[in-house]
Amino acid sequence: MAKQHEILPVIKVLNQYSEAHQSPTNKLLQWIYVPLLSFGLLGLIWAIPFPHLNFLGRYNGFVNWASFLIAFSIYYYYKLSPLLSYGMLLVVFAFSAGIVSLEKLHTNQGWPQLPQVCLIIFILGLLLQFIGYSAEGKIPSFITNLKFLLTGPMWLIHQLLKKVRLIH
């Protein structure tokens, strides 16, 4: 069981997110659109060309703009809740593996390029999010929606951990 003091910093953020997502339709759609938005955005940022840095040597292909987003996100999650940040780290590993697989499918089997696939995934997530927010009857402000982009995946991890009773 997680210690209560470990979860307290995150309660305010999760409650704000929960308050904006009360509709049963939106709650259900979150399980689809949050991963789609997160994966699509990560893939789009991953695809932005990154300069070759000699000091990285053979590790040049492992550092890209998404690396900075991942580092910032995991730090943000860790500051809110170390336990949830570990769950998010596993999600980021899975998403990264998926993105690398998409790159290999393009190279080896002629699939569309990573940005095209991720843009379609992101737009699908946005459409589902719009349907969910329509069910809510309100659309959050742009700034709130950006914050929810980081909070949504953590909220899902929190819900999963509650279901398996690792946290309250």
Protein backbone atom coordinates (compact mmCIF):
# COMPACT_ATOMS: atom_id res chain seq x y z
CA MET A 1 0.00 0.00 0.00
CA ALA A 2 1.21 3.50 -0.77
CA LYS A 3 1.73 5.75 2.19
CA GLN A 4 -0.86 8.49 2.56
CA HIS A 5 1.74 11.31 2.56
CA GLU A 6 2.96 10.09 -0.84
CA ILE A 7 -0.44 10.67 -2.46
CA LEU A 8 -1.37 14.00 -0.82
CA PRO A 9 0.51 16.34 -3.21
CA VAL A 10 -1.39 14.89 -6.14
CA ILE A 11 -4.91 14.96 -4.67
CA LYS A 12 -5.61 18.58 -5.64
CA VAL A 13 -4.55 18.02 -9.26
CA LEU A 14 -6.51 14.78 -9.59
CA ASN A 15 -9.60 16.34 -8.01
CA GLN A 16 -9.49 19.27 -10.45
CA TYR A 17 -9.29 16.80 -13.30
CA SER A 18 -12.11 14.66 -11.88
CA GLU A 19 -14.36 17.70 -11.40
CA ALA A 20 -14.07 18.54 -15.09
CA HIS A 21 -14.84 14.95 -16.10
CA GLN A 22 -18.16 13.95 -14.50
CA SER A 23 -20.17 12.67 -17.46
CA PRO A 24 -20.24 8.86 -17.67
CA THR A 25 -19.70 9.14 -21.43
CA ASN A 26 -16.64 11.33 -20.97
CA LYS A 27 -15.29 9.10 -18.21
CA LEU A 28 -15.53 6.12 -20.54
CA LEU A 29 -14.05 7.97 -23.53
CA GLN A 30 -11.07 9.12 -21.42
CA TRP A 31 -9.77 5.56 -21.44
CA ILE A 32 -9.49 5.87 -25.21
CA TYR A 33 -8.73 9.52 -25.97
CA VAL A 34 -6.18 10.18 -23.23
CA PRO A 35 -3.79 7.45 -24.47
CA LEU A 36 -4.42 8.46 -28.10
CA LEU A 37 -3.66 12.12 -27.39
CA SER A 38 -0.60 11.28 -25.28
CA PHE A 39 0.82 8.79 -27.77
CA GLY A 40 0.06 11.01 -30.78
CA LEU A 41 1.65 14.07 -29.20
CA LEU A 42 4.73 12.15 -28.05
CA GLY A 43 5.14 10.69 -31.54
CA LEU A 44 4.77 14.09 -33.21
CA ILE A 45 7.41 15.61 -30.95
CA TRP A 46 9.62 12.53 -31.41
CA ALA A 47 9.49 13.10 -35.18
CA ILE A 48 10.84 16.67 -35.00
CA PRO A 49 14.38 16.52 -36.39
CA PHE A 50 17.03 16.68 -33.69
CA PRO A 51 20.56 17.91 -34.41
CA HIS A 52 23.43 15.44 -34.52
CA LEU A 53 25.59 15.95 -31.42
CA ASN A 54 29.07 14.44 -31.73
CA PHE A 55 29.54 13.93 -28.01
CA LEU A 56 26.57 11.50 -27.99
CA GLY A 57 28.41 9.17 -30.35
CA ARG A 58 26.38 6.08 -31.18
CA TYR A 59 23.60 7.24 -28.85
CA ASN A 60 22.54 10.07 -31.17
CA GLY A 61 19.43 8.18 -32.25
CA PHE A 62 18.30 7.79 -28.64
CA VAL A 63 18.05 11.51 -27.89
CA ASN A 64 15.39 13.62 -29.51
CA TRP A 65 12.99 16.43 -28.60
CA ALA A 66 10.62 13.92 -27.03
CA SER A 67 13.40 13.04 -24.57
CA PHE A 68 13.02 16.49 -23.05
CA LEU A 69 9.23 16.20 -22.90
CA ILE A 70 9.57 12.81 -21.23
CA ALA A 71 12.09 14.13 -18.70
CA PHE A 72 9.93 17.15 -17.85
CA SER A 73 6.77 15.04 -17.58
CA ILE A 74 8.29 12.37 -15.37
CA TYR A 75 9.78 15.09 -13.13
CA TYR A 76 6.34 16.76 -12.90
CA TYR A 77 4.70 13.44 -12.05
CA TYR A 78 7.42 12.58 -9.53
CA LYS A 79 7.00 15.89 -7.72
CA LEU A 80 3.28 15.18 -7.43
CA SER A 81 3.54 11.49 -6.53
CA PRO A 82 6.56 9.18 -6.83
CA LEU A 83 4.30 6.12 -7.05
CA LEU A 84 2.27 7.52 -9.95
CA SER A 85 5.45 8.67 -11.68
CA TYR A 86 6.67 5.08 -11.76
CA GLY A 87 3.43 4.04 -13.45
CA MET A 88 3.82 6.87 -15.93
CA LEU A 89 7.39 5.80 -16.62
CA LEU A 90 6.10 2.36 -17.63
CA VAL A 91 3.54 4.02 -19.93
CA VAL A 92 6.28 6.17 -21.49
CA PHE A 93 8.41 3.04 -22.08
CA ALA A 94 5.45 1.34 -23.79
CA PHE A 95 4.70 4.44 -25.90
CA SER A 96 8.37 4.77 -26.85
CA ALA A 97 8.46 1.13 -27.94
CA GLY A 98 5.34 1.75 -30.01
CA ILE A 99 6.88 4.80 -31.66
CA VAL A 100 10.10 2.93 -32.48
CA SER A 101 7.96 0.12 -33.93
CA LEU A 102 6.13 2.63 -36.14
CA GLU A 103 9.49 3.96 -37.35
CA LYS A 104 10.61 0.42 -38.19
CA LEU A 105 7.34 -0.31 -40.00
CA HIS A 106 7.95 2.75 -42.15
CA THR A 107 11.55 1.77 -42.90
CA ASN A 108 11.03 -1.96 -43.38
CA GLN A 109 7.50 -2.26 -44.73
CA GLY A 110 6.69 1.07 -46.32
CA TRP A 111 4.15 2.26 -43.78
CA PRO A 112 3.41 6.01 -43.65
CA GLN A 113 5.99 8.14 -41.87
CA LEU A 114 5.80 8.57 -38.08
CA PRO A 115 4.43 12.15 -38.14
CA GLN A 116 1.57 11.16 -40.43
CA VAL A 117 0.53 8.19 -38.29
CA CYS A 118 0.86 10.15 -35.05
CA LEU A 119 -1.08 13.11 -36.44
CA ILE A 120 -3.96 10.79 -37.34
CA ILE A 121 -3.84 9.23 -33.86
CA PHE A 122 -3.74 12.68 -32.23
CA ILE A 123 -6.67 13.98 -34.32
CA LEU A 124 -8.69 10.87 -33.49
CA GLY A 125 -7.96 11.53 -29.80
CA LEU A 126 -9.04 15.17 -30.20
CA LEU A 127 -12.31 14.12 -31.86
CA LEU A 128 -13.08 11.68 -29.05
CA GLN A 129 -12.13 14.32 -26.49
CA PHE A 130 -14.49 16.78 -28.15
CA ILE A 131 -17.30 14.19 -27.97
CA GLY A 132 -16.49 13.63 -24.30
CA TYR A 133 -16.47 17.34 -23.53
CA SER A 134 -19.74 17.72 -25.44
CA ALA A 135 -21.23 15.12 -23.10
CA GLU A 136 -19.95 17.24 -20.19
CA GLY A 137 -21.66 20.30 -21.61
CA LYS A 138 -18.54 22.41 -21.20
CA ILE A 139 -15.13 22.73 -22.78
CA PRO A 140 -12.21 23.70 -20.53
CA SER A 141 -10.09 26.72 -21.35
CA PHE A 142 -7.04 26.24 -23.56
CA ILE A 143 -4.66 26.54 -20.58
CA THR A 144 -6.70 24.11 -18.49
CA ASN A 145 -6.80 21.70 -21.41
CA LEU A 146 -2.99 21.83 -21.70
CA LYS A 147 -2.71 21.04 -17.99
CA PHE A 148 -5.20 18.19 -18.44
CA LEU A 149 -2.97 16.82 -21.21
CA LEU A 150 -0.38 16.08 -18.52
CA THR A 151 -2.89 15.19 -15.82
CA GLY A 152 -5.07 12.81 -17.84
CA PRO A 153 -2.56 9.96 -18.14
CA MET A 154 -1.71 10.26 -14.45
CA TRP A 155 -5.42 10.20 -13.58
CA LEU A 156 -5.82 6.95 -15.54
CA ILE A 157 -2.84 5.38 -13.74
CA HIS A 158 -4.35 6.53 -10.45
CA GLN A 159 -7.68 4.88 -11.36
CA LEU A 160 -5.91 1.63 -12.29
CA LEU A 161 -3.94 1.58 -9.05
CA LYS A 162 -7.16 2.17 -7.10
CA LYS A 163 -8.81 -0.78 -8.87
CA VAL A 164 -5.96 -3.11 -7.87
CA ARG A 165 -5.98 -1.54 -4.39
CA LEU A 166 -2.40 -0.30 -4.39
CA ILE A 167 -3.68 3.12 -3.35
CA HIS A 168 -6.88 4.51 -1.78
